[in-house]
Amino acid sequence: TDTEIQNKIGEFNRKRQQLSVEMKKPDNDPDVITSLDTEIREIYDEVMQMPNMVAYNRAKADMDALIRSITYIIQVAANGDDPETCPATPPESCTGSCGTCGGCG
C-alpha cells in the first residue's frame, strides 16, 4: 500500500527493461548499459532502505523462520520422534530425525 515504494519498484522495473533491450541490441552502447546498471542499483538500494521495505523484510524473515520451525516440527513428528523433546528449530545439517541429532533427547 506504500505508493512511494510501488512507484520506485515501477521505476526499477522500467530501467531493468531498458537495460534488457539495450543489451540485446547488436550495436549496444556500453556507456548506456553502465549508466542503466548504475541507476538500477541506486534505485534498488533506495527501495531497500525505505522504512516500510525494511519492516517488510524483517517481517518476511520472521515469517520464514516460523515456517521453517513448523516444517521441522512436522518432520520430527512424521518420523515418529517426540517433537516436544527437540528444539523448535532444526540444528545445522538436520536430517529430520531426532534419533540422529545430538541436540535432542
C-alpha atoms as a PDB file:
ATOM      1  CA  THR A   1       0.000   0.000   0.000  1.00  0.00           C
ATOM      2  CA  ASP A   2       3.049   2.289   0.102  1.00  0.00           C
ATOM      3  CA  THR A   3       2.759   4.275  -3.131  1.00  0.00           C
ATOM      4  CA  GLU A   4       6.299   5.631  -2.836  1.00  0.00           C
ATOM      5  CA  ILE A   5       7.714   2.109  -2.763  1.00  0.00           C
ATOM      6  CA  GLN A   6       5.399   0.999  -5.565  1.00  0.00           C
ATOM      7  CA  ASN A   7       6.491   3.935  -7.725  1.00  0.00           C
ATOM      8  CA  LYS A   8      10.165   3.175  -7.104  1.00  0.00           C
ATOM      9  CA  ILE A   9       9.632  -0.503  -7.909  1.00  0.00           C
ATOM     10  CA  GLY A  10       7.902   0.541 -11.131  1.00  0.00           C
ATOM     11  CA  GLU A  11      10.856   2.791 -11.977  1.00  0.00           C
ATOM     12  CA  PHE A  12      13.241  -0.075 -11.164  1.00  0.00           C
ATOM     13  CA  ASN A  13      11.337  -2.439 -13.479  1.00  0.00           C
ATOM     14  CA  ARG A  14      11.282   0.116 -16.313  1.00  0.00           C
ATOM     15  CA  LYS A  15      15.045   0.656 -16.030  1.00  0.00           C
ATOM     16  CA  ARG A  16      15.622  -3.074 -15.923  1.00  0.00           C
ATOM     17  CA  GLN A  17      13.545  -3.485 -19.082  1.00  0.00           C
ATOM     18  CA  GLN A  18      15.505  -0.687 -20.782  1.00  0.00           C
ATOM     19  CA  LEU A  19      18.741  -2.434 -19.811  1.00  0.00           C
ATOM     20  CA  SER A  20      17.492  -5.713 -21.230  1.00  0.00           C
ATOM     21  CA  VAL A  21      16.538  -4.047 -24.521  1.00  0.00           C
ATOM     22  CA  GLU A  22      19.886  -2.261 -24.743  1.00  0.00           C
ATOM     23  CA  MET A  23      21.854  -5.443 -24.026  1.00  0.00           C
ATOM     24  CA  LYS A  24      20.036  -7.300 -26.830  1.00  0.00           C
ATOM     25  CA  LYS A  25      20.958  -4.705 -29.414  1.00  0.00           C
ATOM     26  CA  PRO A  26      23.741  -5.910 -31.724  1.00  0.00           C
ATOM     27  CA  ASP A  27      25.302  -2.431 -31.596  1.00  0.00           C
ATOM     28  CA  ASN A  28      24.639  -1.739 -27.908  1.00  0.00           C
ATOM     29  CA  ASP A  29      26.327   1.171 -26.191  1.00  0.00           C
ATOM     30  CA  PRO A  30      28.462   0.089 -23.205  1.00  0.00           C
ATOM     31  CA  ASP A  31      28.106   3.563 -21.663  1.00  0.00           C
ATOM     32  CA  VAL A  32      24.306   3.322 -21.752  1.00  0.00           C
ATOM     33  CA  ILE A  33      24.469  -0.176 -20.251  1.00  0.00           C
ATOM     34  CA  THR A  34      26.770   1.016 -17.462  1.00  0.00           C
ATOM     35  CA  SER A  35      24.563   4.032 -16.786  1.00  0.00           C
ATOM     36  CA  LEU A  36      21.377   1.945 -16.637  1.00  0.00           C
ATOM     37  CA  ASP A  37      23.055  -0.624 -14.409  1.00  0.00           C
ATOM     38  CA  THR A  38      24.158   2.129 -12.020  1.00  0.00           C
ATOM     39  CA  GLU A  39      20.666   3.638 -11.958  1.00  0.00           C
ATOM     40  CA  ILE A  40      19.127   0.230 -11.270  1.00  0.00           C
ATOM     41  CA  ARG A  41      21.490  -0.376  -8.344  1.00  0.00           C
ATOM     42  CA  GLU A  42      20.788   3.070  -6.910  1.00  0.00           C
ATOM     43  CA  ILE A  43      17.022   2.601  -7.138  1.00  0.00           C
ATOM     44  CA  TYR A  44      17.297  -0.858  -5.562  1.00  0.00           C
ATOM     45  CA  ASP A  45      19.377   0.496  -2.674  1.00  0.00           C
ATOM     46  CA  GLU A  46      16.904   3.341  -2.204  1.00  0.00           C
ATOM     47  CA  VAL A  47      13.928   0.967  -2.083  1.00  0.00           C
ATOM     48  CA  MET A  48      15.657  -1.395   0.334  1.00  0.00           C
ATOM     49  CA  GLN A  49      16.337   1.477   2.759  1.00  0.00           C
ATOM     50  CA  MET A  50      12.741   2.756   2.835  1.00  0.00           C
ATOM     51  CA  PRO A  51      11.247   2.212   6.310  1.00  0.00           C
ATOM     52  CA  ASN A  52       8.271   0.168   5.094  1.00  0.00           C
ATOM     53  CA  MET A  53      10.536  -2.074   2.996  1.00  0.00           C
ATOM     54  CA  VAL A  54      12.865  -2.591   5.958  1.00  0.00           C
ATOM     55  CA  ALA A  55       9.848  -3.540   8.090  1.00  0.00           C
ATOM     56  CA  TYR A  56       8.525  -5.817   5.334  1.00  0.00           C
ATOM     57  CA  ASN A  57      11.856  -7.635   5.006  1.00  0.00           C
ATOM     58  CA  ARG A  58      12.120  -8.051   8.776  1.00  0.00           C
ATOM     59  CA  ALA A  59       8.566  -9.447   8.945  1.00  0.00           C
ATOM     60  CA  LYS A  60       9.273 -11.742   5.982  1.00  0.00           C
ATOM     61  CA  ALA A  61      12.411 -13.105   7.671  1.00  0.00           C
ATOM     62  CA  ASP A  62      10.425 -13.737  10.864  1.00  0.00           C
ATOM     63  CA  MET A  63       7.663 -15.483   8.910  1.00  0.00           C
ATOM     64  CA  ASP A  64      10.186 -17.609   7.004  1.00  0.00           C
ATOM     65  CA  ALA A  65      11.786 -18.659  10.306  1.00  0.00           C
ATOM     66  CA  LEU A  66       8.376 -19.570  11.739  1.00  0.00           C
ATOM     67  CA  ILE A  67       7.521 -21.650   8.672  1.00  0.00           C
ATOM     68  CA  ARG A  68      10.895 -23.454   8.869  1.00  0.00           C
ATOM     69  CA  SER A  69      10.212 -24.205  12.531  1.00  0.00           C
ATOM     70  CA  ILE A  70       6.717 -25.541  11.840  1.00  0.00           C
ATOM     71  CA  THR A  71       8.008 -27.679   8.958  1.00  0.00           C
ATOM     72  CA  TYR A  72      10.755 -29.076  11.186  1.00  0.00           C
ATOM     73  CA  ILE A  73       8.305 -29.945  13.974  1.00  0.00           C
ATOM     74  CA  ILE A  74       6.042 -31.717  11.470  1.00  0.00           C
ATOM     75  CA  GLN A  75       9.047 -33.647  10.084  1.00  0.00           C
ATOM     76  CA  VAL A  76      10.060 -34.723  13.570  1.00  0.00           C
ATOM     77  CA  ALA A  77       6.538 -35.931  14.338  1.00  0.00           C
ATOM     78  CA  ALA A  78       6.251 -37.702  10.965  1.00  0.00           C
ATOM     79  CA  ASN A  79       9.477 -39.577  11.709  1.00  0.00           C
ATOM     80  CA  GLY A  80       7.929 -40.911  14.909  1.00  0.00           C
ATOM     81  CA  ASP A  81      10.005 -38.766  17.239  1.00  0.00           C
ATOM     82  CA  ASP A  82       8.571 -36.638  20.007  1.00  0.00           C
ATOM     83  CA  PRO A  83       8.567 -33.034  18.806  1.00  0.00           C
ATOM     84  CA  GLU A  84       8.362 -31.886  22.440  1.00  0.00           C
ATOM     85  CA  THR A  85      11.907 -33.141  23.114  1.00  0.00           C
ATOM     86  CA  CYS A  86      13.571 -31.471  20.119  1.00  0.00           C
ATOM     87  CA  PRO A  87      14.490 -27.851  19.593  1.00  0.00           C
ATOM     88  CA  ALA A  88      11.937 -25.611  17.874  1.00  0.00           C
ATOM     89  CA  THR A  89      14.349 -25.010  15.010  1.00  0.00           C
ATOM     90  CA  PRO A  90      16.389 -27.593  13.163  1.00  0.00           C
ATOM     91  CA  PRO A  91      20.055 -27.800  14.092  1.00  0.00           C
ATOM     92  CA  GLU A  92      22.580 -27.192  11.319  1.00  0.00           C
ATOM     93  CA  SER A  93      22.589 -30.023   8.779  1.00  0.00           C
ATOM     94  CA  CYS A  94      19.415 -31.513  10.244  1.00  0.00           C
ATOM     95  CA  THR A  95      18.365 -34.861   8.795  1.00  0.00           C
ATOM     96  CA  GLY A  96      14.827 -34.506  10.106  1.00  0.00           C
ATOM     97  CA  SER A  97      15.253 -37.378  12.513  1.00  0.00           C
ATOM     98  CA  CYS A  98      15.758 -36.545  16.171  1.00  0.00           C
ATOM     99  CA  GLY A  99      17.266 -40.005  16.658  1.00  0.00           C
ATOM    100  CA  THR A 100      20.417 -38.937  14.812  1.00  0.00           C
ATOM    101  CA  CYS A 101      20.596 -35.466  16.373  1.00  0.00           C
ATOM    102  CA  GLY A 102      22.907 -34.820  19.287  1.00  0.00           C
ATOM    103  CA  GLY A 103      20.718 -31.877  20.333  1.00  0.00           C
ATOM    104  CA  CYS A 104      17.607 -33.932  21.051  1.00  0.00           C
ATOM    105  CA  GLY A 105      16.730 -36.103  23.981  1.00  0.00           C
END
